[in-house]
Amino acid sequence: MGVIANIIGYPLGWLMYFIYYFIPNYGISILLFTLIIKIILFPISVHQQKSQAAMASFNPKLEELKKKYGKNPQKLQEEQMKLYSEEGINPMASCLPTFIQLFILFGVFDVVYKPISHILRYNKDTINQAKEIARQFFGTEKSFEHRVEPYILKAVKEHGDAFSSVMPDFFKDASVFHNTFLGIDLNKVPTFHPDKWTGEAVGLIIIALSSAVLQLILTIYMQYNNKKNNPAAASVPGMNAMFYIMPLFSVWISMSSPAGLGLYWAVSSLFSLIQQVILFKIYTPEYVAVLVEKDKAKKKNKRKGRPSMLEKYQQMIAEQNGTVVSEKKENDEPETEETKLSKAKQKEIERKIIAEARRRQAEKYGDEYDDSEEE
């Protein structure tokens, strides 16, 4: 699973351990585990919803900038960052929950693939000893090395005598580990070609497919509301394809991993769907517009003249492009007509110097220079 999965899996493993300690059923523990994760991430989801709704009312202003500075990419970039700063909007805010959910998924991988380590809390030495016993029965399986702990549990269930005499304490704990949900062994991997079609084999496939179906429903619902509230963003080329990649990804993950992961994914999608229905009802563009104005006022009072990250980035872009961004300090003296006139002359001189420098640079590299872009 990698270093990242191990790091994230450690705290998530302790969470699963405490849930299973009070409710010793693997399937129910996964349901409660998913619910707790959603509750923890709910404030971030709310922030994402606010950001998306704020962008819906913000996009018309961006379109105006594109029409005005479409022929001058550098100026367009500067004005966009300036507008983001003035409106108090972070264009990357809506991406944060997606990255967090992906990181958590890595951790869930680790927990599902290592139930003996995370839930039964056995150390590596004991697991390695149990692994060598299990190897006698399943060592020829292609996935044995990738799913060692599920295979160990399977060996304990089917060949308990091999463990009871050598590892009595481990055998006792592993043999009573409730790794089923509605009669389905969540350590097994779904397949369309089972040795025998049983209720469990069908249930494994249902779990895998339900994760994809629920993810698809969630995707369609979010796409519908995004088109309704923010047509400009929803019509971006390639956006529809990105939306429908997740359901396909869900099928691939669920059909190639223990069913416990598919159950987590399905329940997570269901909770996300319920959550989005509630958030879309509450955070309408009109309500968000009020919240954005309040946030802008709070940030303005909190900052007290200190530049935000967006303002710093705006300044950096301006310096790279050779333009000047003037800032008015709170303690500046009031401007007189004479001061304003001198500043206007200074800006005009700066503009001419920059224009001349760009003209020479264009001549040096054989490019055409259009002085209308400087207006």
Foldseek 3Di string as FASTA:
>chain_A
DDDLLVVLLQVLLQQLQVLCVVVQAQLVSLLVSLVVVCVVCVVLVLQLLLLLLQVLVVVVVLVVLCVVQVVPVLVSVLVVLVSCQLLVHDPCSNVVVVVVVVSNLSNVQVCLLCVCCRHVNDDPVVLVVLLVLLCVPCVVPPCCVVRVRLSSLVCLCVPVVSCCVPPVVVSVVSNPRNQDDPRARQQDAADPDDPDDDPNNVVLLCLQLLLLVLLVVLLVVVLVVCCVRHVVVSPPPPNVVVSNVVSVVSNVVRRVGGSSSSNSSNSSSVVVSVSVVVSCVPNHSVVSVVVSVVVSVVCVVVCQQPDDPSRVVSCVSCVVLQHDDDDDHPPDDDDDPVNVVVVVVVNVVSLVVSLVVVCVVCVVVVHDDDCVSSD
